PDB file of N, CA and C in Angstrom:
ATOM      1  N   MET A   1      43.432 138.132  32.215  1.00  0.00           N
ATOM      2  CA  MET A   1      42.849 138.096  30.894  1.00  0.00           C
ATOM      3  C   MET A   1      43.547 139.140  30.015  1.00  0.00           C
ATOM      4  N   PRO A   2      43.932 138.764  28.790  1.00  0.00           N
ATOM      5  CA  PRO A   2      44.645 139.721  27.931  1.00  0.00           C
ATOM      6  C   PRO A   2      43.704 140.819  27.443  1.00  0.00           C
ATOM      7  N   PRO A   3      44.263 141.971  27.144  1.00  0.00           N
ATOM      8  CA  PRO A   3      43.431 143.059  26.635  1.00  0.00           C
ATOM      9  C   PRO A   3      42.787 142.680  25.302  1.00  0.00           C
ATOM     10  N   LYS A   4      41.641 143.260  25.024  1.00  0.00           N
ATOM     11  CA  LYS A   4      40.885 142.919  23.825  1.00  0.00           C
ATOM     12  C   LYS A   4      41.571 143.388  22.549  1.00  0.00           C
ATOM     13  N   SER A   5      42.456 144.371  22.659  1.00  0.00           N
ATOM     14  CA  SER A   5      43.089 144.916  21.458  1.00  0.00           C
ATOM     15  C   SER A   5      44.092 143.942  20.844  1.00  0.00           C
ATOM     16  N   GLU A   6      44.591 142.995  21.620  1.00  0.00           N
ATOM     17  CA  GLU A   6      45.564 142.037  21.103  1.00  0.00           C
ATOM     18  C   GLU A   6      44.850 140.828  20.518  1.00  0.00           C
ATOM     19  N   LYS A   7      44.453 140.946  19.279  1.00  0.00           N
ATOM     20  CA  LYS A   7      43.822 139.830  18.586  1.00  0.00           C
ATOM     21  C   LYS A   7      44.792 139.293  17.561  1.00  0.00           C
ATOM     22  N   LYS A   8      44.745 138.008  17.371  1.00  0.00           N
ATOM     23  CA  LYS A   8      45.559 137.422  16.318  1.00  0.00           C
ATOM     24  C   LYS A   8      44.839 137.636  14.991  1.00  0.00           C
ATOM     25  N   SER A   9      45.553 138.195  14.045  1.00  0.00           N
ATOM     26  CA  SER A   9      44.935 138.417  12.740  1.00  0.00           C
ATOM     27  C   SER A   9      45.178 137.190  11.869  1.00  0.00           C
ATOM     28  N   LYS A  10      44.255 136.940  10.992  1.00  0.00           N
ATOM     29  CA  LYS A  10      44.389 135.815  10.078  1.00  0.00           C
ATOM     30  C   LYS A  10      44.966 136.302   8.755  1.00  0.00           C
ATOM     31  N   SER A  11      46.009 137.098   8.838  1.00  0.00           N
ATOM     32  CA  SER A  11      46.613 137.636   7.626  1.00  0.00           C
ATOM     33  C   SER A  11      47.338 136.544   6.848  1.00  0.00           C
ATOM     34  N   ALA A  12      47.694 135.452   7.494  1.00  0.00           N
ATOM     35  CA  ALA A  12      48.359 134.359   6.800  1.00  0.00           C
ATOM     36  C   ALA A  12      47.451 133.759   5.743  1.00  0.00           C
ATOM     37  N   LEU A  13      46.154 133.828   5.972  1.00  0.00           N
ATOM     38  CA  LEU A  13      45.208 133.302   5.002  1.00  0.00           C
ATOM     39  C   LEU A  13      45.122 134.203   3.776  1.00  0.00           C
ATOM     40  N   LYS A  14      45.482 135.452   3.908  1.00  0.00           N
ATOM     41  CA  LYS A  14      45.331 136.413   2.827  1.00  0.00           C
ATOM     42  C   LYS A  14      46.475 136.364   1.817  1.00  0.00           C
ATOM     43  N   GLU A  15      47.461 135.538   2.034  1.00  0.00           N
ATOM     44  CA  GLU A  15      48.612 135.558   1.139  1.00  0.00           C
ATOM     45  C   GLU A  15      48.794 134.231   0.421  1.00  0.00           C
ATOM     46  N   VAL A  16      49.501 134.295  -0.677  1.00  0.00           N
ATOM     47  CA  VAL A  16      49.843 133.105  -1.449  1.00  0.00           C
ATOM     48  C   VAL A  16      51.082 132.495  -0.813  1.00  0.00           C
ATOM     49  N   VAL A  17      51.039 131.196  -0.547  1.00  0.00           N
ATOM     50  CA  VAL A  17      52.164 130.535   0.115  1.00  0.00           C
ATOM     51  C   VAL A  17      52.287 129.112  -0.421  1.00  0.00           C
ATOM     52  N   THR A  18      53.512 128.563  -0.327  1.00  0.00           N
ATOM     53  CA  THR A  18      53.777 127.191  -0.758  1.00  0.00           C
ATOM     54  C   THR A  18      54.545 126.481   0.336  1.00  0.00           C
ATOM     55  N   ARG A  19      54.055 125.304   0.738  1.00  0.00           N
ATOM     56  CA  ARG A  19      54.728 124.518   1.775  1.00  0.00           C
ATOM     57  C   ARG A  19      54.816 123.061   1.352  1.00  0.00           C
ATOM     58  N   GLU A  20      55.835 122.370   1.872  1.00  0.00           N
ATOM     59  CA  GLU A  20      55.998 120.937   1.630  1.00  0.00           C
ATOM     60  C   GLU A  20      55.695 120.178   2.912  1.00  0.00           C
ATOM     61  N   TYR A  21      54.915 119.120   2.785  1.00  0.00           N
ATOM     62  CA  TYR A  21      54.530 118.279   3.908  1.00  0.00           C
ATOM     63  C   TYR A  21      54.764 116.819   3.554  1.00  0.00           C
ATOM     64  N   THR A  22      54.958 116.000   4.586  1.00  0.00           N
ATOM     65  CA  THR A  22      54.918 114.554   4.436  1.00  0.00           C
ATOM     66  C   THR A  22      53.621 114.077   5.063  1.00  0.00           C
ATOM     67  N   ILE A  23      52.803 113.382   4.277  1.00  0.00           N
ATOM     68  CA  ILE A  23      51.527 112.879   4.779  1.00  0.00           C
ATOM     69  C   ILE A  23      51.674 111.389   5.026  1.00  0.00           C
ATOM     70  N   HIS A  24      51.369 110.973   6.235  1.00  0.00           N
ATOM     71  CA  HIS A  24      51.423 109.564   6.609  1.00  0.00           C
ATOM     72  C   HIS A  24      50.067 108.943   6.269  1.00  0.00           C
ATOM     73  N   LEU A  25      49.951 108.421   5.047  1.00  0.00           N
ATOM     74  CA  LEU A  25      48.677 107.904   4.561  1.00  0.00           C
ATOM     75  C   LEU A  25      48.252 106.636   5.278  1.00  0.00           C
ATOM     76  N   HIS A  26      49.210 105.877   5.773  1.00  0.00           N
ATOM     77  CA  HIS A  26      48.890 104.578   6.369  1.00  0.00           C
ATOM     78  C   HIS A  26      47.935 104.718   7.548  1.00  0.00           C
ATOM     79  N   LYS A  27      48.088 105.784   8.333  1.00  0.00           N
ATOM     80  CA  LYS A  27      47.204 105.943   9.490  1.00  0.00           C
ATOM     81  C   LYS A  27      45.795 106.355   9.086  1.00  0.00           C
ATOM     82  N   TYR A  28      45.638 106.947   7.898  1.00  0.00           N
ATOM     83  CA  TYR A  28      44.306 107.328   7.441  1.00  0.00           C
ATOM     84  C   TYR A  28      43.535 106.168   6.820  1.00  0.00           C
ATOM     85  N   ILE A  29      44.247 105.161   6.285  1.00  0.00           N
ATOM     86  CA  ILE A  29      43.558 104.059   5.610  1.00  0.00           C
ATOM     87  C   ILE A  29      43.651 102.752   6.385  1.00  0.00           C
ATOM     88  N   HIS A  30      44.158 102.823   7.601  1.00  0.00           N
ATOM     89  CA  HIS A  30      44.244 101.618   8.426  1.00  0.00           C
ATOM     90  C   HIS A  30      42.838 101.102   8.719  1.00  0.00           C
ATOM     91  N   GLY A  31      42.611  99.845   8.433  1.00  0.00           N
ATOM     92  CA  GLY A  31      41.326  99.234   8.716  1.00  0.00           C
ATOM     93  C   GLY A  31      40.282  99.431   7.633  1.00  0.00           C
ATOM     94  N   ILE A  32      40.645 100.067   6.538  1.00  0.00           N
ATOM     95  CA  ILE A  32      39.720 100.298   5.429  1.00  0.00           C
ATOM     96  C   ILE A  32      39.793  99.104   4.482  1.00  0.00           C
ATOM     97  N   GLY A  33      38.653  98.723   3.947  1.00  0.00           N
ATOM     98  CA  GLY A  33      38.593  97.595   3.011  1.00  0.00           C
ATOM     99  C   GLY A  33      39.448  97.827   1.781  1.00  0.00           C
ATOM    100  N   PHE A  34      39.884  96.723   1.174  1.00  0.00           N
ATOM    101  CA  PHE A  34      40.830  96.797   0.057  1.00  0.00           C
ATOM    102  C   PHE A  34      40.346  97.669  -1.096  1.00  0.00           C
ATOM    103  N   LYS A  35      39.106  97.562  -1.469  1.00  0.00           N
ATOM    104  CA  LYS A  35      38.617  98.269  -2.653  1.00  0.00           C
ATOM    105  C   LYS A  35      38.326  99.744  -2.404  1.00  0.00           C
ATOM    106  N   LYS A  36      38.546 100.201  -1.175  1.00  0.00           N
ATOM    107  CA  LYS A  36      38.290 101.610  -0.865  1.00  0.00           C
ATOM    108  C   LYS A  36      39.540 102.347  -0.401  1.00  0.00           C
ATOM    109  N   ARG A  37      40.691 101.690  -0.428  1.00  0.00           N
ATOM    110  CA  ARG A  37      41.893 102.287   0.155  1.00  0.00           C
ATOM    111  C   ARG A  37      42.438 103.479  -0.645  1.00  0.00           C
ATOM    112  N   ALA A  38      42.629 103.330  -1.934  1.00  0.00           N
ATOM    113  CA  ALA A  38      43.163 104.441  -2.737  1.00  0.00           C
ATOM    114  C   ALA A  38      42.191 105.622  -2.797  1.00  0.00           C
ATOM    115  N   PRO A  39      40.889 105.389  -3.013  1.00  0.00           N
ATOM    116  CA  PRO A  39      39.982 106.544  -2.972  1.00  0.00           C
ATOM    117  C   PRO A  39      39.954 107.230  -1.605  1.00  0.00           C
ATOM    118  N   ARG A  40      40.044 106.467  -0.531  1.00  0.00           N
ATOM    119  CA  ARG A  40      40.061 107.047   0.814  1.00  0.00           C
ATOM    120  C   ARG A  40      41.350 107.836   1.038  1.00  0.00           C
ATOM    121  N   ALA A  41      42.462 107.373   0.465  1.00  0.00           N
ATOM    122  CA  ALA A  41      43.729 108.102   0.593  1.00  0.00           C
ATOM    123  C   ALA A  41      43.649 109.455  -0.106  1.00  0.00           C
ATOM    124  N   ILE A  42      43.014 109.501  -1.269  1.00  0.00           N
ATOM    125  CA  ILE A  42      42.841 110.775  -1.985  1.00  0.00           C
ATOM    126  C   ILE A  42      41.981 111.722  -1.160  1.00  0.00           C
ATOM    127  N   LYS A  43      40.918 111.199  -0.557  1.00  0.00           N
ATOM    128  CA  LYS A  43      40.063 112.035   0.295  1.00  0.00           C
ATOM    129  C   LYS A  43      40.825 112.531   1.515  1.00  0.00           C
ATOM    130  N   ALA A  44      41.699 111.692   2.066  1.00  0.00           N
ATOM    131  CA  ALA A  44      42.493 112.089   3.230  1.00  0.00           C
ATOM    132  C   ALA A  44      43.484 113.198   2.858  1.00  0.00           C
ATOM    133  N   ILE A  45      44.069 113.112   1.661  1.00  0.00           N
ATOM    134  CA  ILE A  45      44.985 114.157   1.203  1.00  0.00           C
ATOM    135  C   ILE A  45      44.238 115.478   1.054  1.00  0.00           C
ATOM    136  N   LYS A  46      43.038 115.423   0.475  1.00  0.00           N
ATOM    137  CA  LYS A  46      42.236 116.640   0.318  1.00  0.00           C
ATOM    138  C   LYS A  46      41.868 117.244   1.669  1.00  0.00           C
ATOM    139  N   LYS A  47      41.495 116.398   2.606  1.00  0.00           N
ATOM    140  CA  LYS A  47      41.117 116.877   3.942  1.00  0.00           C
ATOM    141  C   LYS A  47      42.321 117.497   4.651  1.00  0.00           C
ATOM    142  N   PHE A  48      43.495 116.865   4.519  1.00  0.00           N
ATOM    143  CA  PHE A  48      44.722 117.377   5.108  1.00  0.00           C
ATOM    144  C   PHE A  48      45.061 118.753   4.529  1.00  0.00           C
ATOM    145  N   ALA A  49      44.969 118.885   3.205  1.00  0.00           N
ATOM    146  CA  ALA A  49      45.291 120.156   2.549  1.00  0.00           C
ATOM    147  C   ALA A  49      44.309 121.248   2.945  1.00  0.00           C
ATOM    148  N   GLU A  50      43.037 120.890   3.071  1.00  0.00           N
ATOM    149  CA  GLU A  50      42.027 121.857   3.472  1.00  0.00           C
ATOM    150  C   GLU A  50      42.289 122.358   4.886  1.00  0.00           C
ATOM    151  N   LYS A  51      42.708 121.468   5.756  1.00  0.00           N
ATOM    152  CA  LYS A  51      42.979 121.842   7.143  1.00  0.00           C
ATOM    153  C   LYS A  51      44.233 122.714   7.256  1.00  0.00           C
ATOM    154  N   GLN A  52      45.284 122.369   6.524  1.00  0.00           N
ATOM    155  CA  GLN A  52      46.545 123.098   6.632  1.00  0.00           C
ATOM    156  C   GLN A  52      46.491 124.473   5.969  1.00  0.00           C
ATOM    157  N   MET A  53      45.851 124.551   4.801  1.00  0.00           N
ATOM    158  CA  MET A  53      45.846 125.795   4.039  1.00  0.00           C
ATOM    159  C   MET A  53      44.580 126.633   4.240  1.00  0.00           C
ATOM    160  N   ARG A  54      43.587 126.080   4.921  1.00  0.00           N
ATOM    161  CA  ARG A  54      42.332 126.770   5.232  1.00  0.00           C
ATOM    162  C   ARG A  54      41.607 127.258   3.976  1.00  0.00           C
ATOM    163  N   THR A  55      41.600 126.416   2.955  1.00  0.00           N
ATOM    164  CA  THR A  55      40.835 126.714   1.748  1.00  0.00           C
ATOM    165  C   THR A  55      39.932 125.524   1.447  1.00  0.00           C
ATOM    166  N   PRO A  56      38.641 125.760   1.269  1.00  0.00           N
ATOM    167  CA  PRO A  56      37.745 124.626   0.986  1.00  0.00           C
ATOM    168  C   PRO A  56      37.903 124.060  -0.419  1.00  0.00           C
ATOM    169  N   ASP A  57      38.505 124.833  -1.343  1.00  0.00           N
ATOM    170  CA  ASP A  57      38.712 124.385  -2.714  1.00  0.00           C
ATOM    171  C   ASP A  57      40.104 123.768  -2.824  1.00  0.00           C
ATOM    172  N   VAL A  58      40.182 122.425  -2.916  1.00  0.00           N
ATOM    173  CA  VAL A  58      41.456 121.707  -2.996  1.00  0.00           C
ATOM    174  C   VAL A  58      41.494 120.938  -4.306  1.00  0.00           C
ATOM    175  N   ARG A  59      42.595 121.095  -5.048  1.00  0.00           N
ATOM    176  CA  ARG A  59      42.750 120.425  -6.333  1.00  0.00           C
ATOM    177  C   ARG A  59      43.976 119.523  -6.292  1.00  0.00           C
ATOM    178  N   ILE A  60      43.793 118.266  -6.704  1.00  0.00           N
ATOM    179  CA  ILE A  60      44.854 117.264  -6.690  1.00  0.00           C
ATOM    180  C   ILE A  60      45.480 117.203  -8.083  1.00  0.00           C
ATOM    181  N   ASP A  61      46.797 117.274  -8.138  1.00  0.00           N
ATOM    182  CA  ASP A  61      47.523 117.156  -9.404  1.00  0.00           C
ATOM    183  C   ASP A  61      47.446 115.716  -9.904  1.00  0.00           C
ATOM    184  N   THR A  62      47.479 115.529 -11.217  1.00  0.00           N
ATOM    185  CA  THR A  62      47.359 114.187 -11.789  1.00  0.00           C
ATOM    186  C   THR A  62      48.557 113.307 -11.434  1.00  0.00           C
ATOM    187  N   ARG A  63      49.749 113.904 -11.286  1.00  0.00           N
ATOM    188  CA  ARG A  63      50.930 113.106 -10.919  1.00  0.00           C
ATOM    189  C   ARG A  63      50.825 112.563  -9.501  1.00  0.00           C
ATOM    190  N   LEU A  64      50.224 113.346  -8.602  1.00  0.00           N
ATOM    191  CA  LEU A  64      50.004 112.858  -7.238  1.00  0.00           C
ATOM    192  C   LEU A  64      48.979 111.730  -7.247  1.00  0.00           C
ATOM    193  N   ASN A  65      47.934 111.883  -8.034  1.00  0.00           N
ATOM    194  CA  ASN A  65      46.924 110.842  -8.149  1.00  0.00           C
ATOM    195  C   ASN A  65      47.530 109.546  -8.675  1.00  0.00           C
ATOM    196  N   LYS A  66      48.413 109.654  -9.672  1.00  0.00           N
ATOM    197  CA  LYS A  66      49.074 108.462 -10.220  1.00  0.00           C
ATOM    198  C   LYS A  66      50.014 107.830  -9.202  1.00  0.00           C
ATOM    199  N   GLU A  67      50.650 108.648  -8.386  1.00  0.00           N
ATOM    200  CA  GLU A  67      51.548 108.112  -7.351  1.00  0.00           C
ATOM    201  C   GLU A  67      50.761 107.326  -6.302  1.00  0.00           C
ATOM    202  N   VAL A  68      49.607 107.844  -5.893  1.00  0.00           N
ATOM    203  CA  VAL A  68      48.790 107.144  -4.901  1.00  0.00           C
ATOM    204  C   VAL A  68      48.267 105.829  -5.477  1.00  0.00           C
ATOM    205  N   TRP A  69      47.880 105.853  -6.743  1.00  0.00           N
ATOM    206  CA  TRP A  69      47.317 104.668  -7.395  1.00  0.00           C
ATOM    207  C   TRP A  69      48.390 103.779  -8.029  1.00  0.00           C
ATOM    208  N   SER A  70      49.688 104.110  -7.899  1.00  0.00           N
ATOM    209  CA  SER A  70      50.752 103.407  -8.625  1.00  0.00           C
ATOM    210  C   SER A  70      50.856 101.926  -8.274  1.00  0.00           C
ATOM    211  N   LYS A  71      50.534 101.542  -7.053  1.00  0.00           N
ATOM    212  CA  LYS A  71      50.619 100.135  -6.652  1.00  0.00           C
ATOM    213  C   LYS A  71      49.246  99.487  -6.585  1.00  0.00           C
ATOM    214  N   GLY A  72      48.252 100.142  -7.187  1.00  0.00           N
ATOM    215  CA  GLY A  72      46.921  99.574  -7.238  1.00  0.00           C
ATOM    216  C   GLY A  72      45.999 100.179  -6.196  1.00  0.00           C
ATOM    217  N   ILE A  73      44.782  99.671  -6.175  1.00  0.00           N
ATOM    218  CA  ILE A  73      43.770 100.208  -5.263  1.00  0.00           C
ATOM    219  C   ILE A  73      44.024  99.752  -3.829  1.00  0.00           C
ATOM    220  N   ARG A  74      44.679  98.595  -3.670  1.00  0.00           N
ATOM    221  CA  ARG A  74      44.867  98.029  -2.328  1.00  0.00           C
ATOM    222  C   ARG A  74      46.137  98.492  -1.645  1.00  0.00           C
ATOM    223  N   ASN A  75      47.232  98.585  -2.392  1.00  0.00           N
ATOM    224  CA  ASN A  75      48.550  98.825  -1.795  1.00  0.00           C
ATOM    225  C   ASN A  75      48.974 100.281  -1.933  1.00  0.00           C
ATOM    226  N   VAL A  76      48.346 101.133  -1.178  1.00  0.00           N
ATOM    227  CA  VAL A  76      48.649 102.559  -1.197  1.00  0.00           C
ATOM    228  C   VAL A  76      49.989 102.790  -0.488  1.00  0.00           C
ATOM    229  N   PRO A  77      50.838 103.698  -1.002  1.00  0.00           N
ATOM    230  CA  PRO A  77      52.104 103.987  -0.302  1.00  0.00           C
ATOM    231  C   PRO A  77      51.856 104.460   1.133  1.00  0.00           C
ATOM    232  N   PHE A  78      52.749 104.074   2.042  1.00  0.00           N
ATOM    233  CA  PHE A  78      52.580 104.440   3.452  1.00  0.00           C
ATOM    234  C   PHE A  78      52.700 105.938   3.662  1.00  0.00           C
ATOM    235  N   ARG A  79      53.625 106.572   2.961  1.00  0.00           N
ATOM    236  CA  ARG A  79      53.829 108.014   3.090  1.00  0.00           C
ATOM    237  C   ARG A  79      53.952 108.624   1.704  1.00  0.00           C
ATOM    238  N   VAL A  80      53.617 109.912   1.627  1.00  0.00           N
ATOM    239  CA  VAL A  80      53.779 110.641   0.376  1.00  0.00           C
ATOM    240  C   VAL A  80      54.189 112.073   0.727  1.00  0.00           C
ATOM    241  N   ARG A  81      55.132 112.609  -0.038  1.00  0.00           N
ATOM    242  CA  ARG A  81      55.605 113.985   0.160  1.00  0.00           C
ATOM    243  C   ARG A  81      54.859 114.875  -0.831  1.00  0.00           C
ATOM    244  N   VAL A  82      54.210 115.905  -0.316  1.00  0.00           N
ATOM    245  CA  VAL A  82      53.399 116.769  -1.172  1.00  0.00           C
ATOM    246  C   VAL A  82      53.805 118.223  -0.996  1.00  0.00           C
ATOM    247  N   ARG A  83      53.533 119.010  -2.019  1.00  0.00           N
ATOM    248  CA  ARG A  83      53.733 120.452  -1.972  1.00  0.00           C
ATOM    249  C   ARG A  83      52.367 121.095  -2.111  1.00  0.00           C
ATOM    250  N   LEU A  84      52.000 121.915  -1.131  1.00  0.00           N
ATOM    251  CA  LEU A  84      50.710 122.588  -1.122  1.00  0.00           C
ATOM    252  C   LEU A  84      50.907 124.044  -1.533  1.00  0.00           C
ATOM    253  N   HIS A  85      50.237 124.450  -2.607  1.00  0.00           N
ATOM    254  CA  HIS A  85      50.295 125.822  -3.105  1.00  0.00           C
ATOM    255  C   HIS A  85      48.958 126.483  -2.825  1.00  0.00           C
ATOM    256  N   ARG A  86      48.954 127.529  -2.007  1.00  0.00           N
ATOM    257  CA  ARG A  86      47.737 128.331  -1.867  1.00  0.00           C
ATOM    258  C   ARG A  86      47.815 129.426  -2.915  1.00  0.00           C
ATOM    259  N   ARG A  87      46.849 129.424  -3.842  1.00  0.00           N
ATOM    260  CA  ARG A  87      46.874 130.357  -4.964  1.00  0.00           C
ATOM    261  C   ARG A  87      45.582 131.162  -5.019  1.00  0.00           C
ATOM    262  N   ARG A  88      45.675 132.293  -5.675  1.00  0.00           N
ATOM    263  CA  ARG A  88      44.488 133.116  -5.878  1.00  0.00           C
ATOM    264  C   ARG A  88      43.622 132.496  -6.967  1.00  0.00           C
ATOM    265  N   ASN A  89      42.318 132.562  -6.753  1.00  0.00           N
ATOM    266  CA  ASN A  89      41.381 132.020  -7.722  1.00  0.00           C
ATOM    267  C   ASN A  89      41.137 133.068  -8.802  1.00  0.00           C
ATOM    268  N   GLU A  90      41.455 132.722 -10.048  1.00  0.00           N
ATOM    269  CA  GLU A  90      41.312 133.664 -11.154  1.00  0.00           C
ATOM    270  C   GLU A  90      39.866 133.765 -11.635  1.00  0.00           C
ATOM    271  N   ASP A  91      39.050 132.793 -11.291  1.00  0.00           N
ATOM    272  CA  ASP A  91      37.663 132.770 -11.719  1.00  0.00           C
ATOM    273  C   ASP A  91      36.863 133.803 -10.925  1.00  0.00           C
ATOM    274  N   GLU A  92      36.256 134.757 -11.616  1.00  0.00           N
ATOM    275  CA  GLU A  92      35.541 135.828 -10.916  1.00  0.00           C
ATOM    276  C   GLU A  92      34.278 135.334 -10.224  1.00  0.00           C
ATOM    277  N   ASP A  93      33.572 134.380 -10.832  1.00  0.00           N
ATOM    278  CA  ASP A  93      32.318 133.922 -10.246  1.00  0.00           C
ATOM    279  C   ASP A  93      32.513 132.793  -9.244  1.00  0.00           C
ATOM    280  N   SER A  94      33.730 132.615  -8.759  1.00  0.00           N
ATOM    281  CA  SER A  94      33.985 131.601  -7.742  1.00  0.00           C
ATOM    282  C   SER A  94      33.592 132.136  -6.365  1.00  0.00           C
ATOM    283  N   ALA A  95      33.167 131.225  -5.497  1.00  0.00           N
ATOM    284  CA  ALA A  95      32.753 131.616  -4.153  1.00  0.00           C
ATOM    285  C   ALA A  95      33.943 131.893  -3.238  1.00  0.00           C
ATOM    286  N   HIS A  96      35.106 131.308  -3.553  1.00  0.00           N
ATOM    287  CA  HIS A  96      36.284 131.415  -2.692  1.00  0.00           C
ATOM    288  C   HIS A  96      37.382 132.216  -3.392  1.00  0.00           C
ATOM    289  N   LYS A  97      38.149 132.974  -2.603  1.00  0.00           N
ATOM    290  CA  LYS A  97      39.213 133.793  -3.171  1.00  0.00           C
ATOM    291  C   LYS A  97      40.485 132.985  -3.458  1.00  0.00           C
ATOM    292  N   PHE A  98      40.673 131.883  -2.707  1.00  0.00           N
ATOM    293  CA  PHE A  98      41.883 131.087  -2.858  1.00  0.00           C
ATOM    294  C   PHE A  98      41.522 129.625  -3.107  1.00  0.00           C
ATOM    295  N   TYR A  99      42.462 128.906  -3.717  1.00  0.00           N
ATOM    296  CA  TYR A  99      42.353 127.458  -3.820  1.00  0.00           C
ATOM    297  C   TYR A  99      43.715 126.862  -3.509  1.00  0.00           C
ATOM    298  N   THR A 100      43.735 125.577  -3.199  1.00  0.00           N
ATOM    299  CA  THR A 100      44.979 124.882  -2.893  1.00  0.00           C
ATOM    300  C   THR A 100      45.256 123.852  -3.971  1.00  0.00           C
ATOM    301  N   LEU A 101      46.455 123.907  -4.538  1.00  0.00           N
ATOM    302  CA  LEU A 101      46.895 122.910  -5.507  1.00  0.00           C
ATOM    303  C   LEU A 101      47.876 121.980  -4.803  1.00  0.00           C
ATOM    304  N   VAL A 102      47.608 120.679  -4.850  1.00  0.00           N
ATOM    305  CA  VAL A 102      48.448 119.689  -4.182  1.00  0.00           C
ATOM    306  C   VAL A 102      49.224 118.929  -5.246  1.00  0.00           C
ATOM    307  N   THR A 103      50.564 119.011  -5.187  1.00  0.00           N
ATOM    308  CA  THR A 103      51.415 118.316  -6.151  1.00  0.00           C
ATOM    309  C   THR A 103      52.342 117.351  -5.426  1.00  0.00           C
ATOM    310  N   HIS A 104      52.831 116.374  -6.160  1.00  0.00           N
ATOM    311  CA  HIS A 104      53.713 115.349  -5.600  1.00  0.00           C
ATOM    312  C   HIS A 104      55.158 115.811  -5.671  1.00  0.00           C
ATOM    313  N   VAL A 105      55.934 115.499  -4.617  1.00  0.00           N
ATOM    314  CA  VAL A 105      57.370 115.763  -4.585  1.00  0.00           C
ATOM    315  C   VAL A 105      58.061 114.422  -4.404  1.00  0.00           C
ATOM    316  N   HIS A 106      58.891 114.048  -5.382  1.00  0.00           N
ATOM    317  CA  HIS A 106      59.577 112.761  -5.293  1.00  0.00           C
ATOM    318  C   HIS A 106      60.778 112.880  -4.352  1.00  0.00           C
ATOM    319  N   VAL A 107      60.861 111.965  -3.374  1.00  0.00           N
ATOM    320  CA  VAL A 107      62.000 111.908  -2.462  1.00  0.00           C
ATOM    321  C   VAL A 107      62.482 110.462  -2.385  1.00  0.00           C
ATOM    322  N   GLU A 108      63.766 110.298  -2.141  1.00  0.00           N
ATOM    323  CA  GLU A 108      64.330 108.957  -2.014  1.00  0.00           C
ATOM    324  C   GLU A 108      63.966 108.335  -0.671  1.00  0.00           C
ATOM    325  N   SER A 109      64.039 109.144   0.393  1.00  0.00           N
ATOM    326  CA  SER A 109      63.749 108.655   1.732  1.00  0.00           C
ATOM    327  C   SER A 109      62.981 109.731   2.498  1.00  0.00           C
ATOM    328  N   PHE A 110      62.112 109.284   3.394  1.00  0.00           N
ATOM    329  CA  PHE A 110      61.336 110.209   4.211  1.00  0.00           C
ATOM    330  C   PHE A 110      62.026 110.519   5.533  1.00  0.00           C
ATOM    331  N   LYS A 111      63.208 109.957   5.761  1.00  0.00           N
ATOM    332  CA  LYS A 111      63.923 110.143   7.019  1.00  0.00           C
ATOM    333  C   LYS A 111      64.387 111.583   7.183  1.00  0.00           C
ATOM    334  N   GLY A 112      64.054 112.173   8.317  1.00  0.00           N
ATOM    335  CA  GLY A 112      64.545 113.505   8.667  1.00  0.00           C
ATOM    336  C   GLY A 112      63.868 114.655   7.949  1.00  0.00           C
ATOM    337  N   LEU A 113      62.829 114.393   7.182  1.00  0.00           N
ATOM    338  CA  LEU A 113      62.146 115.475   6.480  1.00  0.00           C
ATOM    339  C   LEU A 113      61.187 116.191   7.421  1.00  0.00           C
ATOM    340  N   GLU A 114      61.115 117.497   7.287  1.00  0.00           N
ATOM    341  CA  GLU A 114      60.199 118.301   8.083  1.00  0.00           C
ATOM    342  C   GLU A 114      59.390 119.185   7.155  1.00  0.00           C
ATOM    343  N   THR A 115      58.349 119.789   7.702  1.00  0.00           N
ATOM    344  CA  THR A 115      57.559 120.734   6.945  1.00  0.00           C
ATOM    345  C   THR A 115      58.408 121.959   6.672  1.00  0.00           C
ATOM    346  N   LYS A 116      58.378 122.414   5.422  1.00  0.00           N
ATOM    347  CA  LYS A 116      59.156 123.611   5.101  1.00  0.00           C
ATOM    348  C   LYS A 116      58.374 124.499   4.151  1.00  0.00           C
ATOM    349  N   THR A 117      58.563 125.799   4.314  1.00  0.00           N
ATOM    350  CA  THR A 117      57.960 126.778   3.425  1.00  0.00           C
ATOM    351  C   THR A 117      58.888 126.968   2.241  1.00  0.00           C
ATOM    352  N   VAL A 118      58.330 126.890   1.053  1.00  0.00           N
ATOM    353  CA  VAL A 118      59.114 126.974  -0.171  1.00  0.00           C
ATOM    354  C   VAL A 118      58.939 128.361  -0.763  1.00  0.00           C
ATOM    355  N   ASP A 119      60.054 128.991  -1.144  1.00  0.00           N
ATOM    356  CA  ASP A 119      59.979 130.282  -1.816  1.00  0.00           C
ATOM    357  C   ASP A 119      59.482 130.074  -3.239  1.00  0.00           C
ATOM    358  N   ILE A 120      58.929 131.094  -3.808  1.00  0.00           N
ATOM    359  CA  ILE A 120      58.403 131.015  -5.167  1.00  0.00           C
ATOM    360  C   ILE A 120      59.544 130.732  -6.151  1.00  0.00           C
ATOM    361  N   ASP A 121      60.746 131.244  -5.874  1.00  0.00           N
ATOM    362  CA  ASP A 121      61.874 131.036  -6.780  1.00  0.00           C
ATOM    363  C   ASP A 121      62.379 129.606  -6.764  1.00  0.00           C
ATOM    364  N   ASP A 122      62.144 128.858  -5.668  1.00  0.00           N
ATOM    365  CA  ASP A 122      62.699 127.525  -5.532  1.00  0.00           C
ATOM    366  C   ASP A 122      61.854 126.436  -6.191  1.00  0.00           C
ATOM    367  N   THR A 123      60.671 126.754  -6.687  1.00  0.00           N
ATOM    368  CA  THR A 123      59.816 125.737  -7.250  1.00  0.00           C
ATOM    369  C   THR A 123      60.404 125.198  -8.530  1.00  0.00           C
ATOM    370  N   ASP A 124      60.254 123.896  -8.712  1.00  0.00           N
ATOM    371  CA  ASP A 124      60.832 123.236  -9.898  1.00  0.00           C
ATOM    372  C   ASP A 124      59.733 122.731 -10.816  1.00  0.00           C
ATOM    373  N   ASP A 125      58.734 123.575 -11.086  1.00  0.00           N
ATOM    374  CA  ASP A 125      57.625 123.178 -11.969  1.00  0.00           C
ATOM    375  C   ASP A 125      58.033 123.217 -13.407  1.00  0.00           C
TER     376      ASP A 125
END
């Protein structure tokens, strides 16, 4: 049994970070009725971001929302590339110190893409 002094600290949660992920939406909406597919995909993106960034406050960018809904409510894209920004909450009366902003990243092909941490200087906002 390891000594008690060696605990993993959750210091990663205490910092602002930006990462890019590819979300395979098709597996989240498989078997879902036609009129619920796009709303379920948005919920799946929020759940994915909450799990990866460990922040209960997740905000979806309007461009990502338009990308998910671009082919209608039934024909959601199979995959989507997103950038997750963990940011400090500027609102003083908020219950949480951080929130996650999810934005869309346009890519030509999803082949060979991996999760990567993006430096603050590399963002193209």
